[in-house]
Every structure is written in structure tokens, then in C-alpha cells.
Amino acid sequence: MATSPIRILLVEDDELFRLGLVTRLSQEPGLQITGEAEDGEMAITLVKQQVFDVVILDIGLPSMGGVETCRQIKQNQPHLPVLILTSHQQSTLIHRLIEAQAQGYCLKGIGAETLVLAIRSLVAGATWWDAISSQTIQTAFQPVTKQSTHPDTDIFLTKREQEILALIAGGKSNQEIANTLYIAPGTVRVHVHAILHKLDVRDRTQAAILAIQKGLICEEIMLPKD
């Protein structure tokens, strides 16, 4: 049975850049741009009128601004993931976006494949932060999270990704991981792709080895083998 396409709201005030994104993302199977907005007010109106699976939000919007737009979108639709797309990368901005409950952060100019993976990851329930923003998050939460004890703090994995990585290291297949975590196999595949990308490895074996070498799997989420 065919799955429904991912419905995307694209919020970008640069018309040419927005057109380029629409053209490229529309070529990707399973993705569909079902709403476009050039400012925050229009985006909030569309969120109230239509159903979307993810919002791609430019931070440099006129008038309201991207951070406030994100905050108001999350107030209206708390479970609607928001992926920030921006040319700026400052720690103060990242902190403000975390407070506004954004789930992802990508710099303009990244490869189309990376952007598509980020979109699918957010829809699957994961987060997506690049290396610098991940380091900022790690530093911000270092006093209160055990994840900060990882030797390699440039690698930021969500708890779900750590769970899946632990199962990969235990030799589990995607289907076995899906059965263990009570999620769809397709969701597992998206998470696995995101993990391989974040770890910068080619396959599951390399991911498992790196996880063990660098202590990327928290002890408290290690699941026992059958």
C-alpha cells in the first residue's frame, strides 16, 4: 500500500530561492510542497488552515522574524516539527531556536540529499542539528545530562538514535529493531540513515564499531539482547 507523501510548508521570503527549493524537493519521491509563505504571518495562517507534516522555515523573515514565527507555529501546533533553514550560525540564535522548540537546523547551501534526510528525520520523530549547533546544545546541557560525558561531543545523537544504535551494535536487523521499539520498519530506516550520516560512516558495521570506541551509547538505554 502506497504511503502518503510528506506535506511540507515552505516559509521563505526570497522568491528565487523558494522556487529553487520547490523545484528540487518536488523531484524527491514522497515529498510534496503543499503550502508556501513569504512571511511569518502567512505561515501561521496556513498552519491554522491546512495540515502539514513539517515546516521548513527561513530565519531571516521580514516583520515578525523566524524565531517568533517558529514560537507561534509551535503554540498552534505543538507536534508539528519545524526545520530551520538559515545562512546564520550563532550560539545565541541556536539557544533562541531551542527555546522556540525548533527540532532542526540546517545551513543554506547544504546538499539536497542532506536536506531531504533532515526532513525525513524530523517527520520520523528525530531531530536534526549540524555539528556546530550540536556542540552548542551539548555545552548548554553539559551540567545536567549524562550525554555530555561522551568523549566525542561533536556527535549529537537523540535518545531514539542511541537506542537504535545500541540495537545495531547488538546485531539487530531493521525489522528486529522495529519489533523491539514498536515502530515501523520505514521509520527505523530513516533513523539508521540519519545515524550513518551523523557518524560519517558507510555502513552499520562501522557505526557499531564507532559507537563502542567513542562511547556514544548511554548505559541506561542499552537494551538487553534476547
C-alpha atoms as a PDB file:
ATOM      1  CA  MET A   1       0.000   0.000   0.000  1.00  0.00           C
ATOM      2  CA  ALA A   2       1.396   3.391  -1.014  1.00  0.00           C
ATOM      3  CA  THR A   3       2.257   5.754   1.814  1.00  0.00           C
ATOM      4  CA  SER A   4       1.017   9.330   1.865  1.00  0.00           C
ATOM      5  CA  PRO A   5       3.559  11.962   0.785  1.00  0.00           C
ATOM      6  CA  ILE A   6       5.168  14.204   3.389  1.00  0.00           C
ATOM      7  CA  ARG A   7       3.291  17.517   3.277  1.00  0.00           C
ATOM      8  CA  ILE A   8       5.681  20.454   3.553  1.00  0.00           C
ATOM      9  CA  LEU A   9       5.038  24.099   4.371  1.00  0.00           C
ATOM     10  CA  LEU A  10       7.911  26.167   2.930  1.00  0.00           C
ATOM     11  CA  VAL A  11       8.386  29.591   4.532  1.00  0.00           C
ATOM     12  CA  GLU A  12      10.948  31.677   2.635  1.00  0.00           C
ATOM     13  CA  ASP A  13      10.832  35.354   1.616  1.00  0.00           C
ATOM     14  CA  ASP A  14      13.423  35.051  -1.180  1.00  0.00           C
ATOM     15  CA  GLU A  15      11.240  34.164  -4.156  1.00  0.00           C
ATOM     16  CA  LEU A  16      14.020  32.735  -6.327  1.00  0.00           C
ATOM     17  CA  PHE A  17      15.440  30.632  -3.502  1.00  0.00           C
ATOM     18  CA  ARG A  18      11.949  29.409  -2.616  1.00  0.00           C
ATOM     19  CA  LEU A  19      11.273  28.469  -6.230  1.00  0.00           C
ATOM     20  CA  GLY A  20      14.543  26.543  -6.364  1.00  0.00           C
ATOM     21  CA  LEU A  21      13.642  24.589  -3.227  1.00  0.00           C
ATOM     22  CA  VAL A  22      10.158  23.838  -4.514  1.00  0.00           C
ATOM     23  CA  THR A  23      11.576  22.576  -7.808  1.00  0.00           C
ATOM     24  CA  ARG A  24      14.202  20.385  -6.154  1.00  0.00           C
ATOM     25  CA  LEU A  25      12.073  18.947  -3.346  1.00  0.00           C
ATOM     26  CA  SER A  26       9.183  18.236  -5.712  1.00  0.00           C
ATOM     27  CA  GLN A  27      11.501  15.873  -7.604  1.00  0.00           C
ATOM     28  CA  GLU A  28      12.014  13.782  -4.464  1.00  0.00           C
ATOM     29  CA  PRO A  29       9.647  10.786  -4.138  1.00  0.00           C
ATOM     30  CA  GLY A  30       7.386  11.051  -1.133  1.00  0.00           C
ATOM     31  CA  LEU A  31       7.809  14.807  -0.620  1.00  0.00           C
ATOM     32  CA  GLN A  32       5.184  17.369  -1.561  1.00  0.00           C
ATOM     33  CA  ILE A  33       5.187  21.148  -1.087  1.00  0.00           C
ATOM     34  CA  THR A  34       1.559  21.789  -0.133  1.00  0.00           C
ATOM     35  CA  GLY A  35       1.987  25.319   1.190  1.00  0.00           C
ATOM     36  CA  GLU A  36       4.224  28.331   0.573  1.00  0.00           C
ATOM     37  CA  ALA A  37       4.577  31.522   2.599  1.00  0.00           C
ATOM     38  CA  GLU A  38       6.819  34.557   2.250  1.00  0.00           C
ATOM     39  CA  ASP A  39       6.421  35.850   5.812  1.00  0.00           C
ATOM     40  CA  GLY A  40       5.566  34.670   9.306  1.00  0.00           C
ATOM     41  CA  GLU A  41       2.004  35.937   9.360  1.00  0.00           C
ATOM     42  CA  MET A  42       1.130  33.994   6.216  1.00  0.00           C
ATOM     43  CA  ALA A  43       2.822  30.878   7.593  1.00  0.00           C
ATOM     44  CA  ILE A  44       0.803  30.978  10.825  1.00  0.00           C
ATOM     45  CA  THR A  45      -2.411  31.459   8.859  1.00  0.00           C
ATOM     46  CA  LEU A  46      -1.632  28.436   6.674  1.00  0.00           C
ATOM     47  CA  VAL A  47      -0.803  26.279   9.702  1.00  0.00           C
ATOM     48  CA  LYS A  48      -4.247  27.074  11.102  1.00  0.00           C
ATOM     49  CA  GLN A  49      -5.979  26.284   7.790  1.00  0.00           C
ATOM     50  CA  GLN A  50      -4.111  23.238   6.455  1.00  0.00           C
ATOM     51  CA  VAL A  51      -2.482  20.043   7.702  1.00  0.00           C
ATOM     52  CA  PHE A  52       1.297  19.772   7.278  1.00  0.00           C
ATOM     53  CA  ASP A  53       3.826  17.154   8.336  1.00  0.00           C
ATOM     54  CA  VAL A  54       6.791  19.523   8.597  1.00  0.00           C
ATOM     55  CA  VAL A  55       7.628  23.215   8.244  1.00  0.00           C
ATOM     56  CA  ILE A  56      10.820  24.439   6.554  1.00  0.00           C
ATOM     57  CA  LEU A  57      11.347  27.907   7.987  1.00  0.00           C
ATOM     58  CA  ASP A  58      13.802  30.605   6.913  1.00  0.00           C
ATOM     59  CA  ILE A  59      15.016  32.523   9.949  1.00  0.00           C
ATOM     60  CA  GLY A  60      15.506  35.865   8.181  1.00  0.00           C
ATOM     61  CA  LEU A  61      11.860  36.711   7.558  1.00  0.00           C
ATOM     62  CA  PRO A  62      10.587  40.298   7.358  1.00  0.00           C
ATOM     63  CA  SER A  63       8.318  41.776  10.022  1.00  0.00           C
ATOM     64  CA  MET A  64       7.702  39.018  12.609  1.00  0.00           C
ATOM     65  CA  GLY A  65      11.005  37.164  12.122  1.00  0.00           C
ATOM     66  CA  GLY A  66      11.730  33.459  12.010  1.00  0.00           C
ATOM     67  CA  VAL A  67      12.193  32.801  15.735  1.00  0.00           C
ATOM     68  CA  GLU A  68       8.844  34.343  16.685  1.00  0.00           C
ATOM     69  CA  THR A  69       7.184  32.600  13.739  1.00  0.00           C
ATOM     70  CA  CYS A  70       8.536  29.277  14.995  1.00  0.00           C
ATOM     71  CA  ARG A  71       7.298  30.006  18.509  1.00  0.00           C
ATOM     72  CA  GLN A  72       3.785  30.835  17.322  1.00  0.00           C
ATOM     73  CA  ILE A  73       3.637  27.815  14.992  1.00  0.00           C
ATOM     74  CA  LYS A  74       4.532  25.564  17.928  1.00  0.00           C
ATOM     75  CA  GLN A  75       1.894  27.260  20.094  1.00  0.00           C
ATOM     76  CA  ASN A  76      -0.741  26.453  17.477  1.00  0.00           C
ATOM     77  CA  GLN A  77       0.610  23.000  16.502  1.00  0.00           C
ATOM     78  CA  PRO A  78       2.909  21.657  19.264  1.00  0.00           C
ATOM     79  CA  HIS A  79       3.566  18.376  17.437  1.00  0.00           C
ATOM     80  CA  LEU A  80       4.327  19.934  14.029  1.00  0.00           C
ATOM     81  CA  PRO A  81       8.122  19.710  13.511  1.00  0.00           C
ATOM     82  CA  VAL A  82       9.927  22.858  12.372  1.00  0.00           C
ATOM     83  CA  LEU A  83      13.189  22.698  10.420  1.00  0.00           C
ATOM     84  CA  ILE A  84      15.125  25.966  10.393  1.00  0.00           C
ATOM     85  CA  LEU A  85      16.942  26.847   7.175  1.00  0.00           C
ATOM     86  CA  THR A  86      19.308  29.795   7.529  1.00  0.00           C
ATOM     87  CA  SER A  87      22.614  31.326   6.494  1.00  0.00           C
ATOM     88  CA  HIS A  88      23.389  32.338  10.096  1.00  0.00           C
ATOM     89  CA  GLN A  89      25.139  30.220  12.705  1.00  0.00           C
ATOM     90  CA  GLN A  90      25.463  31.863  16.115  1.00  0.00           C
ATOM     91  CA  SER A  91      25.137  30.248  19.512  1.00  0.00           C
ATOM     92  CA  THR A  92      22.674  32.896  20.716  1.00  0.00           C
ATOM     93  CA  LEU A  93      20.422  32.173  17.741  1.00  0.00           C
ATOM     94  CA  ILE A  94      20.602  28.419  18.367  1.00  0.00           C
ATOM     95  CA  HIS A  95      19.608  28.945  22.011  1.00  0.00           C
ATOM     96  CA  ARG A  96      16.640  31.072  20.943  1.00  0.00           C
ATOM     97  CA  LEU A  97      15.543  28.414  18.448  1.00  0.00           C
ATOM     98  CA  ILE A  98      15.740  25.697  21.096  1.00  0.00           C
ATOM     99  CA  GLU A  99      13.562  27.848  23.364  1.00  0.00           C
ATOM    100  CA  ALA A 100      11.130  28.283  20.439  1.00  0.00           C
ATOM    101  CA  GLN A 101      11.031  24.448  20.182  1.00  0.00           C
ATOM    102  CA  ALA A 102      12.529  24.087  16.710  1.00  0.00           C
ATOM    103  CA  GLN A 103      13.520  20.466  16.025  1.00  0.00           C
ATOM    104  CA  GLY A 104      16.086  21.028  13.314  1.00  0.00           C
ATOM    105  CA  TYR A 105      18.663  23.470  11.990  1.00  0.00           C
ATOM    106  CA  CYS A 106      20.299  23.443   8.548  1.00  0.00           C
ATOM    107  CA  LEU A 107      22.540  25.963   6.870  1.00  0.00           C
ATOM    108  CA  LYS A 108      21.594  27.185   3.420  1.00  0.00           C
ATOM    109  CA  GLY A 109      23.934  25.695   0.867  1.00  0.00           C
ATOM    110  CA  ILE A 110      23.851  22.141   2.221  1.00  0.00           C
ATOM    111  CA  GLY A 111      23.407  19.342  -0.278  1.00  0.00           C
ATOM    112  CA  ALA A 112      19.892  18.468  -1.366  1.00  0.00           C
ATOM    113  CA  GLU A 113      20.317  14.885  -0.122  1.00  0.00           C
ATOM    114  CA  THR A 114      21.199  16.145   3.356  1.00  0.00           C
ATOM    115  CA  LEU A 115      18.187  18.456   3.431  1.00  0.00           C
ATOM    116  CA  VAL A 116      15.885  15.612   2.349  1.00  0.00           C
ATOM    117  CA  LEU A 117      17.349  13.386   5.063  1.00  0.00           C
ATOM    118  CA  ALA A 118      16.805  16.132   7.640  1.00  0.00           C
ATOM    119  CA  ILE A 119      13.164  16.479   6.555  1.00  0.00           C
ATOM    120  CA  ARG A 120      12.525  12.742   6.760  1.00  0.00           C
ATOM    121  CA  SER A 121      14.268  12.557  10.134  1.00  0.00           C
ATOM    122  CA  LEU A 122      12.047  15.249  11.659  1.00  0.00           C
ATOM    123  CA  VAL A 123       8.901  13.619  10.320  1.00  0.00           C
ATOM    124  CA  ALA A 124      10.083  10.308  11.796  1.00  0.00           C
ATOM    125  CA  GLY A 125      10.335  11.963  15.209  1.00  0.00           C
ATOM    126  CA  ALA A 126      14.066  12.673  15.342  1.00  0.00           C
ATOM    127  CA  THR A 127      15.907  15.990  15.483  1.00  0.00           C
ATOM    128  CA  TRP A 128      18.497  17.390  13.100  1.00  0.00           C
ATOM    129  CA  TRP A 129      21.281  19.758  14.163  1.00  0.00           C
ATOM    130  CA  ASP A 130      24.558  20.308  12.343  1.00  0.00           C
ATOM    131  CA  ALA A 131      27.949  19.832  14.031  1.00  0.00           C
ATOM    132  CA  ILE A 132      28.349  23.379  15.379  1.00  0.00           C
ATOM    133  CA  SER A 133      24.790  23.664  16.688  1.00  0.00           C
ATOM    134  CA  SER A 134      25.093  20.168  18.191  1.00  0.00           C
ATOM    135  CA  GLN A 135      28.212  21.291  20.071  1.00  0.00           C
ATOM    136  CA  THR A 136      26.308  24.329  21.341  1.00  0.00           C
ATOM    137  CA  ILE A 137      23.487  22.124  22.587  1.00  0.00           C
ATOM    138  CA  GLN A 138      25.925  19.735  24.275  1.00  0.00           C
ATOM    139  CA  THR A 139      27.667  22.623  26.029  1.00  0.00           C
ATOM    140  CA  ALA A 140      24.392  24.173  27.150  1.00  0.00           C
ATOM    141  CA  PHE A 141      23.165  20.961  28.741  1.00  0.00           C
ATOM    142  CA  GLN A 142      26.536  19.674  29.972  1.00  0.00           C
ATOM    143  CA  PRO A 143      25.814  20.240  33.698  1.00  0.00           C
ATOM    144  CA  VAL A 144      22.583  18.235  33.642  1.00  0.00           C
ATOM    145  CA  THR A 145      22.848  15.497  31.020  1.00  0.00           C
ATOM    146  CA  LYS A 146      24.888  12.337  31.012  1.00  0.00           C
ATOM    147  CA  GLN A 147      25.270  12.622  27.224  1.00  0.00           C
ATOM    148  CA  SER A 148      27.929  15.268  27.898  1.00  0.00           C
ATOM    149  CA  THR A 149      30.240  12.519  29.225  1.00  0.00           C
ATOM    150  CA  HIS A 150      30.697  11.179  25.692  1.00  0.00           C
ATOM    151  CA  PRO A 151      34.330  11.572  24.582  1.00  0.00           C
ATOM    152  CA  ASP A 152      33.287  12.873  21.159  1.00  0.00           C
ATOM    153  CA  THR A 153      30.960  15.809  21.807  1.00  0.00           C
ATOM    154  CA  ASP A 154      30.838  16.803  18.142  1.00  0.00           C
ATOM    155  CA  ILE A 155      28.431  13.897  17.591  1.00  0.00           C
ATOM    156  CA  PHE A 156      24.935  14.563  18.908  1.00  0.00           C
ATOM    157  CA  LEU A 157      22.506  11.657  18.822  1.00  0.00           C
ATOM    158  CA  THR A 158      18.968  11.797  20.139  1.00  0.00           C
ATOM    159  CA  LYS A 159      17.853   9.222  22.705  1.00  0.00           C
ATOM    160  CA  ARG A 160      15.940   7.317  19.999  1.00  0.00           C
ATOM    161  CA  GLU A 161      19.010   7.294  17.758  1.00  0.00           C
ATOM    162  CA  GLN A 162      21.096   5.993  20.672  1.00  0.00           C
ATOM    163  CA  GLU A 163      18.542   3.232  21.256  1.00  0.00           C
ATOM    164  CA  ILE A 164      18.695   2.203  17.602  1.00  0.00           C
ATOM    165  CA  LEU A 165      22.493   2.441  17.547  1.00  0.00           C
ATOM    166  CA  ALA A 166      22.630   0.187  20.630  1.00  0.00           C
ATOM    167  CA  LEU A 167      20.484  -2.377  18.832  1.00  0.00           C
ATOM    168  CA  ILE A 168      22.615  -2.092  15.688  1.00  0.00           C
ATOM    169  CA  ALA A 169      25.688  -2.754  17.837  1.00  0.00           C
ATOM    170  CA  GLY A 170      23.837  -5.793  19.189  1.00  0.00           C
ATOM    171  CA  GLY A 171      23.461  -7.162  15.675  1.00  0.00           C
ATOM    172  CA  LYS A 172      19.743  -6.478  15.263  1.00  0.00           C
ATOM    173  CA  SER A 173      18.181  -6.087  11.808  1.00  0.00           C
ATOM    174  CA  ASN A 174      15.854  -3.214  10.934  1.00  0.00           C
ATOM    175  CA  GLN A 175      12.842  -5.484  11.358  1.00  0.00           C
ATOM    176  CA  GLU A 176      14.068  -6.668  14.751  1.00  0.00           C
ATOM    177  CA  ILE A 177      14.686  -3.074  15.829  1.00  0.00           C
ATOM    178  CA  ALA A 178      11.187  -2.139  14.690  1.00  0.00           C
ATOM    179  CA  ASN A 179       9.698  -5.013  16.692  1.00  0.00           C
ATOM    180  CA  THR A 180      11.727  -4.124  19.785  1.00  0.00           C
ATOM    181  CA  LEU A 181      10.869  -0.415  19.751  1.00  0.00           C
ATOM    182  CA  TYR A 182       7.315  -0.803  18.405  1.00  0.00           C
ATOM    183  CA  ILE A 183       7.913   1.483  15.421  1.00  0.00           C
ATOM    184  CA  ALA A 184       7.570   0.982  11.663  1.00  0.00           C
ATOM    185  CA  PRO A 185      10.495  -0.512   9.700  1.00  0.00           C
ATOM    186  CA  GLY A 186      10.426   2.549   7.440  1.00  0.00           C
ATOM    187  CA  THR A 187      10.934   4.781  10.479  1.00  0.00           C
ATOM    188  CA  VAL A 188      13.890   2.634  11.508  1.00  0.00           C
ATOM    189  CA  ARG A 189      15.444   3.062   8.044  1.00  0.00           C
ATOM    190  CA  VAL A 190      15.175   6.857   8.299  1.00  0.00           C
ATOM    191  CA  HIS A 191      16.823   6.828  11.724  1.00  0.00           C
ATOM    192  CA  VAL A 192      19.588   4.498  10.502  1.00  0.00           C
ATOM    193  CA  HIS A 193      20.331   6.801   7.551  1.00  0.00           C
ATOM    194  CA  ALA A 194      20.485   9.770   9.930  1.00  0.00           C
ATOM    195  CA  ILE A 195      22.819   7.892  12.295  1.00  0.00           C
ATOM    196  CA  LEU A 196      25.195   6.901   9.470  1.00  0.00           C
ATOM    197  CA  HIS A 197      25.213  10.497   8.245  1.00  0.00           C
ATOM    198  CA  LYS A 198      25.907  11.958  11.696  1.00  0.00           C
ATOM    199  CA  LEU A 199      28.678   9.441  12.386  1.00  0.00           C
ATOM    200  CA  ASP A 200      30.079   9.895   8.858  1.00  0.00           C
ATOM    201  CA  VAL A 201      30.335   6.143   8.271  1.00  0.00           C
ATOM    202  CA  ARG A 202      29.405   3.958   5.293  1.00  0.00           C
ATOM    203  CA  ASP A 203      27.577   1.087   6.927  1.00  0.00           C
ATOM    204  CA  ARG A 204      26.105  -0.409  10.092  1.00  0.00           C
ATOM    205  CA  THR A 205      29.278  -2.289  10.999  1.00  0.00           C
ATOM    206  CA  GLN A 206      31.341   0.890  11.040  1.00  0.00           C
ATOM    207  CA  ALA A 207      28.603   2.592  13.060  1.00  0.00           C
ATOM    208  CA  ALA A 208      28.662  -0.183  15.665  1.00  0.00           C
ATOM    209  CA  ILE A 209      32.453  -0.075  15.957  1.00  0.00           C
ATOM    210  CA  LEU A 210      32.486   3.725  16.288  1.00  0.00           C
ATOM    211  CA  ALA A 211      29.700   3.603  18.887  1.00  0.00           C
ATOM    212  CA  ILE A 212      31.740   1.250  21.064  1.00  0.00           C
ATOM    213  CA  GLN A 213      35.054   3.079  20.548  1.00  0.00           C
ATOM    214  CA  LYS A 214      33.697   6.535  21.345  1.00  0.00           C
ATOM    215  CA  GLY A 215      31.126   5.570  23.976  1.00  0.00           C
ATOM    216  CA  LEU A 216      28.216   7.005  22.024  1.00  0.00           C
ATOM    217  CA  ILE A 217      25.630   4.753  23.660  1.00  0.00           C
ATOM    218  CA  CYS A 218      24.500   5.682  27.167  1.00  0.00           C
ATOM    219  CA  GLU A 219      24.491   2.752  29.562  1.00  0.00           C
ATOM    220  CA  GLU A 220      20.983   3.474  30.780  1.00  0.00           C
ATOM    221  CA  ILE A 221      19.482   2.980  27.310  1.00  0.00           C
ATOM    222  CA  MET A 222      21.419  -0.151  26.402  1.00  0.00           C
ATOM    223  CA  LEU A 223      18.778  -2.787  25.789  1.00  0.00           C
ATOM    224  CA  PRO A 224      19.390  -6.417  26.731  1.00  0.00           C
ATOM    225  CA  LYS A 225      19.811  -8.980  23.962  1.00  0.00           C
ATOM    226  CA  ASP A 226      17.195 -11.668  23.554  1.00  0.00           C
END
